[in-house]
Protein backbone atom coordinates (compact mmCIF):
# COMPACT_ATOMS: atom_id res chain seq x y z
CA MET A 1 225.59 132.94 71.83
CA THR A 2 227.85 134.75 69.22
CA ILE A 3 229.13 133.32 65.82
CA ASP A 4 232.47 132.85 67.25
CA ILE A 5 231.49 130.80 70.19
CA LEU A 6 229.19 129.02 68.26
CA GLN A 7 232.34 128.34 65.89
CA SER A 8 234.41 127.25 68.86
CA GLU A 9 231.45 124.82 70.06
CA TRP A 10 231.29 123.35 66.50
CA ASP A 11 234.81 122.36 66.58
CA ALA A 12 234.66 120.71 69.77
CA ARG A 13 231.69 118.45 68.59
CA PHE A 14 232.34 117.98 64.99
CA PRO A 15 236.30 117.47 63.94
CA GLY A 16 236.81 116.04 60.64
CA SER A 17 235.91 117.16 57.11
CA GLY A 18 232.84 117.78 55.09
CA SER A 19 231.67 120.82 52.98
CA ARG A 20 231.44 124.24 53.71
CA LEU A 21 230.01 125.22 56.64
CA GLU A 22 226.54 127.46 56.53
CA LEU A 23 224.97 129.64 59.09
CA PHE A 24 221.02 129.72 59.23
CA PHE A 25 218.89 131.64 61.66
CA SER A 26 215.31 131.50 62.32
CA PRO A 27 213.22 133.62 64.76
CA GLY A 28 210.88 133.48 67.97
CA ARG A 29 207.38 134.54 67.30
CA VAL A 30 205.22 137.05 69.48
CA ASN A 31 201.44 137.13 68.93
CA LEU A 32 200.65 141.05 69.18
CA ILE A 33 196.62 140.50 69.36
CA GLY A 34 193.93 137.96 68.24
CA GLU A 35 194.40 135.58 70.79
CA HIS A 36 192.28 132.08 70.65
CA THR A 37 190.82 133.68 67.15
CA ASP A 38 192.54 130.81 64.93
CA TYR A 39 190.69 127.83 65.66
CA ASN A 40 187.16 130.02 65.32
CA GLY A 41 188.22 131.12 61.93
CA GLY A 42 189.21 134.48 62.83
CA TYR A 43 192.71 136.26 62.46
CA VAL A 44 195.79 136.70 64.44
CA PHE A 45 198.46 139.49 64.24
CA PRO A 46 202.06 137.88 65.04
CA CYS A 47 205.78 139.26 64.14
CA ALA A 48 209.07 137.60 64.19
CA LEU A 49 211.33 138.53 66.70
CA SER A 50 215.10 139.23 66.80
CA PHE A 51 216.05 136.24 68.79
CA GLY A 52 215.60 133.06 67.54
CA THR A 53 217.62 129.69 66.92
CA TYR A 54 220.85 129.66 64.82
CA LEU A 55 221.92 126.29 62.94
CA LEU A 56 225.54 125.80 61.93
CA ALA A 57 225.72 122.83 59.29
CA ARG A 58 227.44 121.11 56.48
CA LYS A 59 227.34 118.05 54.37
CA ILE A 60 229.21 115.40 55.13
CA ASP A 61 229.69 112.07 53.12
CA GLU A 62 228.88 109.62 55.68
CA PRO A 63 225.25 108.17 55.78
CA VAL A 64 224.40 109.85 58.89
CA ILE A 65 222.77 113.25 60.38
CA ARG A 66 224.64 114.55 63.73
CA MET A 67 222.51 116.57 65.57
CA ALA A 68 223.50 118.66 68.58
CA THR A 69 222.89 121.89 70.63
CA THR A 70 224.31 124.11 72.92
CA ASN A 71 220.85 124.29 74.61
CA PHE A 72 220.45 120.42 75.67
CA ASP A 73 223.23 117.50 76.61
CA PHE A 74 221.36 114.96 74.23
CA THR A 75 222.76 114.45 70.97
CA ALA A 76 221.91 111.91 68.15
CA ASP A 77 223.71 110.01 65.09
CA ILE A 78 220.84 108.92 63.06
CA PRO A 79 221.64 106.76 59.97
CA ILE A 80 219.95 108.02 56.71
CA VAL A 81 216.88 106.13 56.09
CA SER A 82 213.38 106.78 54.17
CA ASN A 83 211.09 106.78 57.00
CA TYR A 84 212.46 108.06 60.33
CA GLN A 85 210.84 107.59 63.97
CA LYS A 86 210.31 109.59 67.12
CA ILE A 87 213.11 109.41 69.97
CA GLY A 88 211.81 109.59 73.19
CA GLU A 89 210.79 113.20 73.87
CA GLU A 90 213.84 114.58 73.06
CA TRP A 91 214.48 117.81 71.15
CA VAL A 92 215.74 116.12 68.37
CA ASN A 93 212.54 115.13 67.30
CA TYR A 94 211.74 118.66 65.97
CA PRO A 95 214.43 118.78 63.20
CA LEU A 96 213.91 115.26 62.63
CA GLY A 97 210.43 115.62 62.02
CA VAL A 98 211.43 118.31 59.07
CA ILE A 99 213.97 115.84 57.68
CA ASN A 100 211.37 113.21 57.68
CA GLU A 101 208.46 115.44 56.01
CA PHE A 102 211.14 116.00 53.24
CA ALA A 103 212.07 112.44 52.89
CA GLN A 104 208.19 111.67 52.60
CA ARG A 105 208.12 114.40 49.82
CA GLY A 106 210.74 112.35 47.73
CA CYS A 107 213.90 114.72 48.59
CA SER A 108 217.14 112.47 48.79
CA ILE A 109 218.87 113.64 51.74
CA THR A 110 222.30 112.76 52.60
CA GLY A 111 224.62 112.89 55.33
CA LEU A 112 224.77 116.19 57.50
CA GLU A 113 226.22 117.46 60.89
CA LEU A 114 223.69 120.11 62.53
CA LEU A 115 224.51 122.15 65.68
CA TYR A 116 221.49 124.32 66.81
CA SER A 117 222.01 127.25 69.48
CA GLY A 118 218.92 129.01 70.77
CA ASN A 119 218.41 131.85 72.71
CA ILE A 120 214.31 131.76 73.10
CA PRO A 121 213.30 130.83 76.53
CA ASN A 122 212.24 127.20 76.73
CA LYS A 123 208.32 126.82 77.25
CA SER A 124 207.93 130.72 77.32
CA GLY A 125 205.29 130.40 74.32
CA LEU A 126 207.56 132.09 72.01
CA SER A 127 207.83 129.43 69.63
CA SER A 128 211.02 127.83 70.34
CA SER A 129 209.92 124.53 68.59
CA ALA A 130 208.31 126.60 65.28
CA SER A 131 211.76 128.35 65.21
CA ILE A 132 213.65 124.70 65.19
CA GLU A 133 211.39 123.30 62.64
CA LEU A 134 211.70 126.39 60.20
CA VAL A 135 215.46 126.64 60.34
CA THR A 136 215.87 123.16 59.73
CA ALA A 137 213.41 123.21 56.65
CA VAL A 138 215.31 126.25 55.36
CA ALA A 139 218.82 124.13 55.70
CA LEU A 140 217.32 121.11 53.74
CA ASN A 141 216.08 123.28 51.08
CA HIS A 142 219.19 125.21 50.54
CA PHE A 143 221.30 122.04 50.87
CA PHE A 144 219.30 119.73 48.54
CA ASN A 145 218.00 122.23 46.28
CA THR A 146 214.64 120.89 46.86
CA GLY A 147 212.62 124.21 45.34
CA PHE A 148 210.21 124.28 48.26
CA SER A 149 208.51 127.91 48.43
CA ARG A 150 208.19 129.76 51.77
CA ILE A 151 204.91 128.46 52.34
CA ASP A 152 205.56 125.05 51.51
CA LEU A 153 208.52 125.10 54.18
CA VAL A 154 205.64 126.77 56.98
CA LYS A 155 203.80 124.08 55.98
CA ILE A 156 206.22 120.97 56.68
CA GLY A 157 207.44 122.59 59.79
CA ARG A 158 203.62 122.46 60.95
CA ALA A 159 203.11 118.88 59.74
CA ALA A 160 206.43 117.57 61.27
CA GLU A 161 205.04 119.08 64.58
CA ASN A 162 201.64 117.30 63.77
CA ARG A 163 202.51 114.02 62.42
CA PHE A 164 206.03 113.47 63.73
CA VAL A 165 206.26 115.10 67.26
CA GLY A 166 202.60 114.87 68.03
CA VAL A 167 201.45 118.09 68.96
CA ASN A 168 198.30 119.38 67.45
CA CYS A 169 199.12 123.01 67.15
CA GLY A 170 197.63 125.25 64.14
CA ILE A 171 199.94 126.92 61.58
CA MET A 172 200.55 130.54 63.12
CA ASP A 173 203.70 129.71 64.88
CA GLN A 174 205.41 128.03 61.63
CA PHE A 175 204.03 130.97 59.60
CA ALA A 176 205.10 133.91 61.52
CA VAL A 177 208.56 132.26 62.13
CA GLY A 178 208.79 131.55 58.08
CA MET A 179 207.17 134.42 56.68
CA GLY A 180 208.21 137.16 59.08
CA LYS A 181 209.50 140.71 57.90
CA LYS A 182 211.54 143.33 59.45
CA ASP A 183 209.11 146.06 61.37
CA HIS A 184 206.15 144.02 60.22
CA ALA A 185 203.32 142.25 61.72
CA ILE A 186 201.73 139.46 59.95
CA PHE A 187 197.71 139.82 59.64
CA LEU A 188 196.96 136.28 59.00
CA LYS A 189 193.66 133.88 58.42
CA CYS A 190 194.84 130.88 59.92
CA ASP A 191 192.51 128.83 57.89
CA THR A 192 192.83 129.97 54.45
CA LEU A 193 196.50 131.59 55.11
CA ASP A 194 195.22 134.83 53.64
CA PHE A 195 198.03 137.63 54.95
CA GLU A 196 198.92 141.26 54.64
CA LEU A 197 202.25 142.34 55.94
CA VAL A 198 201.49 145.60 58.50
CA PRO A 199 204.24 148.34 58.71
CA ILE A 200 205.01 148.64 62.65
CA LYS A 201 206.50 151.86 63.44
CA LEU A 202 207.14 152.04 67.03
CA ASP A 203 209.11 155.20 67.30
CA GLY A 204 209.90 156.01 70.75
CA PHE A 205 208.30 152.79 71.84
CA LYS A 206 209.43 149.13 72.43
CA LEU A 207 207.97 146.00 72.57
CA VAL A 208 208.80 144.43 76.56
CA ILE A 209 208.23 140.77 76.63
CA ALA A 210 207.83 139.23 80.30
CA ASN A 211 208.06 135.64 80.77
CA THR A 212 206.32 134.42 84.16
CA ASN A 213 208.42 131.37 84.46
CA LYS A 214 205.15 129.20 85.25
CA SER A 215 204.95 125.74 84.24
CA ARG A 216 202.10 125.84 81.59
CA GLY A 217 200.43 122.54 82.96
CA LEU A 218 197.16 123.28 82.50
CA ALA A 219 197.01 124.87 78.62
CA ASP A 220 196.73 121.83 76.73
CA SER A 221 193.63 120.65 78.72
CA LYS A 222 192.23 123.93 79.08
CA TYR A 223 192.89 124.46 74.98
CA ASN A 224 190.58 121.39 74.36
CA GLU A 225 188.05 122.18 77.01
CA ARG A 226 187.64 126.11 75.16
CA VAL A 227 187.46 124.57 71.63
CA ALA A 228 184.60 122.56 72.96
CA GLU A 229 182.95 125.33 74.48
CA CYS A 230 183.36 127.71 71.06
CA GLN A 231 181.76 124.55 69.26
CA ALA A 232 178.79 124.36 71.66
CA ALA A 233 178.65 128.25 71.03
CA VAL A 234 178.48 127.84 67.39
CA LYS A 235 175.46 125.28 67.77
CA MET A 236 173.41 127.73 69.74
CA LEU A 237 173.94 130.93 67.99
CA SER A 238 173.05 128.75 64.49
CA ALA A 239 169.41 128.55 65.68
CA GLY A 240 169.47 132.36 64.92
CA ASN A 241 171.73 132.71 62.56
CA PRO A 242 173.68 129.85 60.70
CA ILE A 243 177.27 130.18 61.18
CA SER A 244 180.08 127.45 61.15
CA LEU A 245 182.59 129.08 63.02
CA LEU A 246 182.34 132.03 65.70
CA ALA A 247 184.61 134.30 63.81
CA GLU A 248 182.15 134.82 60.95
CA MET A 249 179.80 137.02 63.18
CA ASN A 250 181.14 140.54 64.40
CA LEU A 251 180.20 142.13 67.74
CA ALA A 252 177.30 143.63 66.60
CA ASP A 253 175.81 140.31 65.09
CA PHE A 254 176.36 138.43 68.13
CA LEU A 255 174.97 140.99 70.56
CA ALA A 256 171.74 140.63 68.30
CA ASN A 257 171.68 136.95 68.46
CA GLU A 258 173.35 136.39 72.26
CA HIS A 259 169.91 135.26 73.62
CA PHE A 260 170.18 132.29 71.62
CA ILE A 261 173.26 131.13 74.01
CA THR A 262 171.59 129.84 77.35
CA ASP A 263 174.66 128.91 79.40
CA GLU A 264 176.64 132.23 80.77
CA VAL A 265 179.99 130.29 80.31
CA ILE A 266 179.62 129.70 76.64
CA LYS A 267 177.91 133.23 76.33
CA ARG A 268 181.12 134.46 77.72
CA ARG A 269 183.56 132.32 75.64
CA ALA A 270 181.81 133.64 72.20
CA ARG A 271 181.86 137.22 73.66
CA HIS A 272 185.50 136.63 73.83
CA VAL A 273 186.38 135.48 70.27
CA ILE A 274 183.88 137.19 68.57
CA SER A 275 184.97 140.81 70.29
CA GLU A 276 188.71 139.83 70.00
CA ASN A 277 188.61 139.30 66.14
CA ASP A 278 187.04 142.62 65.80
CA ARG A 279 189.56 144.07 67.88
CA THR A 280 192.11 142.29 65.76
CA PHE A 281 190.74 144.29 62.88
CA GLU A 282 190.81 147.63 64.54
CA ALA A 283 194.44 146.73 65.51
CA VAL A 284 195.59 146.85 62.06
CA GLU A 285 193.58 149.84 61.05
CA VAL A 286 194.89 152.10 63.88
CA LEU A 287 198.42 150.91 63.23
CA LYS A 288 198.34 151.76 59.57
CA GLU A 289 197.54 154.99 61.10
CA GLY A 290 200.16 155.33 63.26
CA ASN A 291 198.07 155.44 66.48
CA LEU A 292 199.93 153.47 69.11
CA ILE A 293 197.58 154.97 71.91
CA ARG A 294 194.70 153.28 70.52
CA PHE A 295 196.46 150.40 69.76
CA GLY A 296 197.58 150.16 73.47
CA GLN A 297 194.15 149.86 74.81
CA LEU A 298 193.18 147.10 72.27
CA MET A 299 196.18 145.42 74.03
CA ASN A 300 194.60 146.07 77.14
CA ASP A 301 191.22 145.24 76.60
CA SER A 302 192.38 142.18 74.82
CA HIS A 303 193.68 140.59 78.38
CA ASP A 304 190.61 141.78 79.94
CA SER A 305 188.89 139.64 77.80
CA LEU A 306 191.01 136.88 78.16
CA ARG A 307 191.02 137.04 81.93
CA ASP A 308 187.41 137.94 82.37
CA ASP A 309 185.46 135.84 79.27
CA TYR A 310 188.05 133.31 78.36
CA GLU A 311 189.47 132.70 81.48
CA VAL A 312 192.71 131.64 80.10
CA THR A 313 195.38 133.83 82.34
CA GLY A 314 195.78 132.89 85.89
CA ILE A 315 197.21 134.91 88.69
CA GLU A 316 201.09 135.27 87.28
CA LEU A 317 200.10 136.55 83.74
CA ASP A 318 197.44 139.07 85.72
CA THR A 319 200.11 140.26 87.85
CA LEU A 320 202.71 140.64 85.55
CA VAL A 321 199.65 142.70 83.33
CA ALA A 322 198.84 144.70 86.27
CA GLU A 323 201.96 145.85 87.50
CA SER A 324 202.94 146.45 84.07
CA ARG A 325 200.07 148.99 83.72
CA LYS A 326 200.84 150.63 86.86
CA ILE A 327 204.16 152.11 85.02
CA PRO A 328 204.36 155.50 83.61
CA GLY A 329 204.83 154.98 79.83
CA VAL A 330 203.56 151.28 79.47
CA ILE A 331 200.18 152.28 77.02
CA GLY A 332 199.51 148.38 76.76
CA SER A 333 200.05 145.17 78.17
CA ARG A 334 198.28 141.75 77.28
CA MET A 335 199.30 138.02 77.66
CA THR A 336 200.38 136.28 74.54
CA GLY A 337 200.03 132.64 73.69
CA ALA A 338 197.52 129.67 74.98
CA GLY A 339 197.73 131.17 78.54
CA PHE A 340 198.04 129.38 82.18
CA GLY A 341 201.82 130.77 81.71
CA GLY A 342 204.20 132.03 79.61
CA CYS A 343 204.49 135.73 78.39
CA THR A 344 203.36 138.95 78.14
CA VAL A 345 203.80 141.54 75.72
CA SER A 346 203.84 145.47 76.69
CA LEU A 347 204.32 148.53 74.69
CA VAL A 348 206.19 150.46 76.34
CA LYS A 349 208.18 154.17 76.04
CA ASP A 350 211.80 154.19 75.66
CA GLU A 351 212.54 155.90 78.57
CA ALA A 352 210.34 153.73 80.87
CA ILE A 353 211.78 150.20 80.24
CA ASP A 354 214.26 150.35 82.77
CA ARG A 355 211.98 151.35 85.43
CA MET A 356 209.41 148.73 83.98
CA ILE A 357 212.15 146.18 84.30
CA GLN A 358 213.21 146.89 87.91
CA GLU A 359 209.92 147.37 89.66
CA VAL A 360 207.46 144.90 87.54
CA GLY A 361 209.73 142.39 88.52
CA LYS A 362 210.27 143.11 92.12
CA ASN A 363 206.43 143.44 92.70
CA TYR A 364 206.07 140.13 90.88
CA LEU A 365 208.61 138.49 92.83
CA GLU A 366 207.16 139.60 95.72
CA LYS A 367 203.49 138.65 94.93
CA THR A 368 203.93 135.13 93.08
CA GLY A 369 207.41 134.06 94.37
CA LEU A 370 208.43 133.69 90.85
CA LYS A 371 211.22 135.45 88.86
CA ALA A 372 210.34 136.96 85.63
CA GLU A 373 212.64 137.30 82.63
CA PHE A 374 212.32 140.46 80.33
CA TYR A 375 213.24 141.02 77.08
CA VAL A 376 213.17 143.91 74.76
CA ALA A 377 211.97 142.67 71.69
CA GLU A 378 212.84 143.91 67.90
CA ILE A 379 210.65 142.75 65.12
CA GLY A 380 213.08 140.91 62.65
CA ASP A 381 213.05 138.86 59.49
CA GLY A 382 211.97 135.59 59.19
CA ALA A 383 214.03 132.32 59.00
CA GLY A 384 216.77 132.66 56.16
CA VAL A 385 220.49 131.79 55.18
CA ILE A 386 223.04 133.84 56.60
CA GLY A 387 225.92 132.71 55.28
């Protein structure tokens, strides 16, 4: 979607007058390593992507908020009120939830026309919802001079998804989308929001994201199941070394205390979380040293742990990873996100990218009957005003 095409879409949808048009952008995100660690008190390592959600918007004198998108047919004209209500399961609930959060904080929101256009694959696990939330929050902050900090906007985005949309997500997605920086990843502890921006120098390499195009219907139920299993592991391990969250242990501590866990499945769940947290620490260090080969090995180890110990991958993700690792020049490949579908992320030499996309796509289709989609990703900035 070019800006000229977006302008043409605007002219067709929103004739009439208003204030000057403003353009905003908010990225998608990918987590490079640190999966299922966040709700266990551990670290994650996401980065913002160069593709995401554009928002063309203006203030109007009428007491109404008009919302449309180039991605779906549904549109809405919503009267200005002090307390907004959810509209079925429509996409407008993501921006509307943000508008409601601003209203609940005492902000005076007046008439708006909003046209969204996103190029994040829907339901890919690359955070299209957080991208919509943050681009809306940035626009409202800009139009109405509300003075919220970027961290405030991140929290507003999460609150909108939790309280209005009704999805009990953590804060990683909104944080990466809102706080991202070009050519950096974010070493983030989700419960405290302590973070560090880590430079990512991929000289001669690119991140290639592959979308399984598999429905992620199991993700929510299995997510809740894994949370319960981790809580059970904490209770058992506390018999020998009192802890409140798994990531309070490192792998050496776990190996010295794993005999307190009597259930083999629970033991494997704990081993993944604790080893993954250790891998995330090491990943940050080796990237600071410029050691991409070791970082790729850690990506591979992460996926294998998610497959064998945490059991959240599935045949589609495993096939994409296995086929990617066969290609010379792919030095790391892993699932990213909650699992049971969604995407993989691979670290690939520039000269191997075309071969990877062609051969992995062909083999994946033959083995699963699904057509994968590939995206060569750049690491971009967080949400902001374009002009």
